[in-house]
C-alpha atoms as a PDB file:
ATOM      1  CA  MET A   1       5.111  77.327  94.314  1.00  0.00           C
ATOM      2  CA  ALA A   2       8.730  76.698  95.288  1.00  0.00           C
ATOM      3  CA  GLY A   3       8.690  72.916  95.008  1.00  0.00           C
ATOM      4  CA  SER A   4       6.031  72.279  97.631  1.00  0.00           C
ATOM      5  CA  ARG A   5       3.401  69.724  96.637  1.00  0.00           C
ATOM      6  CA  ALA A   6       0.859  71.203  99.059  1.00  0.00           C
ATOM      7  CA  PHE A   7       0.529  74.430  97.052  1.00  0.00           C
ATOM      8  CA  GLY A   8      -0.161  72.474  93.871  1.00  0.00           C
ATOM      9  CA  ARG A   9      -2.792  70.301  95.552  1.00  0.00           C
ATOM     10  CA  PHE A  10      -4.687  73.103  97.264  1.00  0.00           C
ATOM     11  CA  ALA A  11      -4.635  75.681  94.469  1.00  0.00           C
ATOM     12  CA  GLN A  12      -7.557  75.698  92.007  1.00  0.00           C
ATOM     13  CA  THR A  13      -5.770  77.771  89.362  1.00  0.00           C
ATOM     14  CA  VAL A  14      -2.148  78.733  88.770  1.00  0.00           C
ATOM     15  CA  VAL A  15      -1.247  81.290  86.097  1.00  0.00           C
ATOM     16  CA  TRP A  16       2.103  82.701  84.995  1.00  0.00           C
ATOM     17  CA  LEU A  17       2.363  86.162  83.437  1.00  0.00           C
ATOM     18  CA  LYS A  18       5.483  86.704  81.320  1.00  0.00           C
ATOM     19  CA  ARG A  19       6.652  90.082  79.980  1.00  0.00           C
ATOM     20  CA  TYR A  20       8.727  90.310  76.831  1.00  0.00           C
ATOM     21  CA  ASP A  21      11.419  93.008  76.680  1.00  0.00           C
ATOM     22  CA  LYS A  22      10.618  93.545  73.007  1.00  0.00           C
ATOM     23  CA  PRO A  23       7.169  92.783  71.560  1.00  0.00           C
ATOM     24  CA  GLN A  24       7.096  89.457  69.706  1.00  0.00           C
ATOM     25  CA  MET A  25       5.283  88.609  66.470  1.00  0.00           C
ATOM     26  CA  MET A  26       3.461  85.318  67.096  1.00  0.00           C
ATOM     27  CA  TRP A  27       0.736  83.204  65.539  1.00  0.00           C
ATOM     28  CA  VAL A  28      -2.437  83.290  67.625  1.00  0.00           C
ATOM     29  CA  LYS A  29      -5.806  81.612  67.231  1.00  0.00           C
ATOM     30  CA  ASN A  30      -8.674  83.992  68.027  1.00  0.00           C
ATOM     31  CA  THR A  31     -12.128  83.157  69.412  1.00  0.00           C
ATOM     32  CA  TYR A  32     -13.455  82.490  65.899  1.00  0.00           C
ATOM     33  CA  GLY A  33     -10.786  79.832  65.269  1.00  0.00           C
ATOM     34  CA  LEU A  34      -8.916  81.984  62.758  1.00  0.00           C
ATOM     35  CA  GLN A  35      -5.143  82.230  62.927  1.00  0.00           C
ATOM     36  CA  GLU A  36      -3.265  85.450  62.433  1.00  0.00           C
ATOM     37  CA  GLN A  37       0.077  86.946  63.306  1.00  0.00           C
ATOM     38  CA  MET A  38      -0.090  89.529  66.068  1.00  0.00           C
ATOM     39  CA  MET A  39       2.400  91.558  68.045  1.00  0.00           C
ATOM     40  CA  ILE A  40       2.240  90.605  71.722  1.00  0.00           C
ATOM     41  CA  ASP A  41       4.174  91.940  74.687  1.00  0.00           C
ATOM     42  CA  ARG A  42       2.797  89.687  77.449  1.00  0.00           C
ATOM     43  CA  GLU A  43       2.061  85.975  77.665  1.00  0.00           C
ATOM     44  CA  LEU A  44      -0.307  84.373  80.158  1.00  0.00           C
ATOM     45  CA  LYS A  45       0.338  80.666  80.675  1.00  0.00           C
ATOM     46  CA  LEU A  46      -2.272  78.526  82.419  1.00  0.00           C
ATOM     47  CA  ILE A  47      -0.132  76.217  84.529  1.00  0.00           C
ATOM     48  CA  LYS A  48      -2.996  74.521  86.396  1.00  0.00           C
ATOM     49  CA  VAL A  49      -6.713  74.728  85.734  1.00  0.00           C
ATOM     50  CA  ARG A  50      -8.753  72.384  87.876  1.00  0.00           C
ATOM     51  CA  ASN A  51     -12.381  73.001  86.864  1.00  0.00           C
ATOM     52  CA  ALA A  52     -12.039  73.964  83.194  1.00  0.00           C
ATOM     53  CA  ALA A  53     -10.285  73.035  79.991  1.00  0.00           C
ATOM     54  CA  GLY A  54      -7.141  74.844  78.936  1.00  0.00           C
ATOM     55  CA  GLN A  55      -4.333  73.603  81.135  1.00  0.00           C
ATOM     56  CA  GLY A  56      -1.017  74.417  79.465  1.00  0.00           C
ATOM     57  CA  LEU A  57      -2.630  77.004  77.181  1.00  0.00           C
ATOM     58  CA  ARG A  58      -0.600  80.123  76.347  1.00  0.00           C
ATOM     59  CA  ILE A  59      -2.556  83.345  75.745  1.00  0.00           C
ATOM     60  CA  GLY A  60      -1.042  86.362  73.987  1.00  0.00           C
ATOM     61  CA  LEU A  61      -1.776  89.791  75.461  1.00  0.00           C
ATOM     62  CA  GLN A  62      -1.080  93.422  74.660  1.00  0.00           C
ATOM     63  CA  PHE A  63      -0.626  95.766  77.619  1.00  0.00           C
ATOM     64  CA  ASN A  64      -1.829  99.360  77.412  1.00  0.00           C
ATOM     65  CA  SER A  65       0.204 101.440  79.880  1.00  0.00           C
ATOM     66  CA  ASN A  66      -2.105 104.454  79.564  1.00  0.00           C
ATOM     67  CA  THR A  67      -5.187 102.650  80.880  1.00  0.00           C
ATOM     68  CA  LEU A  68      -3.373  99.793  82.680  1.00  0.00           C
ATOM     69  CA  THR A  69      -5.451  97.202  80.822  1.00  0.00           C
ATOM     70  CA  PHE A  70      -4.757  94.096  78.738  1.00  0.00           C
ATOM     71  CA  THR A  71      -6.135  93.217  75.325  1.00  0.00           C
ATOM     72  CA  GLU A  72      -6.401  89.495  74.673  1.00  0.00           C
ATOM     73  CA  CYS A  73      -5.011  88.528  71.263  1.00  0.00           C
ATOM     74  CA  GLY A  74      -5.803  84.803  71.400  1.00  0.00           C
ATOM     75  CA  ALA A  75      -4.215  81.440  72.125  1.00  0.00           C
ATOM     76  CA  ILE A  76      -0.605  81.222  70.982  1.00  0.00           C
ATOM     77  CA  VAL A  77       0.064  78.417  68.514  1.00  0.00           C
ATOM     78  CA  GLU A  78       3.594  77.133  67.962  1.00  0.00           C
ATOM     79  CA  ASP A  79       3.450  77.434  64.197  1.00  0.00           C
ATOM     80  CA  TYR A  80       0.893  78.230  61.527  1.00  0.00           C
ATOM     81  CA  GLU A  81      -1.618  75.376  61.248  1.00  0.00           C
ATOM     82  CA  SER A  82      -3.337  75.315  57.848  1.00  0.00           C
END
């Protein structure tokens, strides 16, 4: 977005895909609300979400290079929440 305010105003959704050089073990919260540690090698950060909840959410992914697909692991949580 290079510092321009126009891009931020006109865009509906902005996502950032980050690749880790080495897979990271992180706490994620799955769709059932359960937390578990999973190995992730990609992180999808929702920078801007205009018409839905989840802005600022970080989602852990695993990339399969054989099929060129992602497997969603869940929302990354900073630390284990009991």
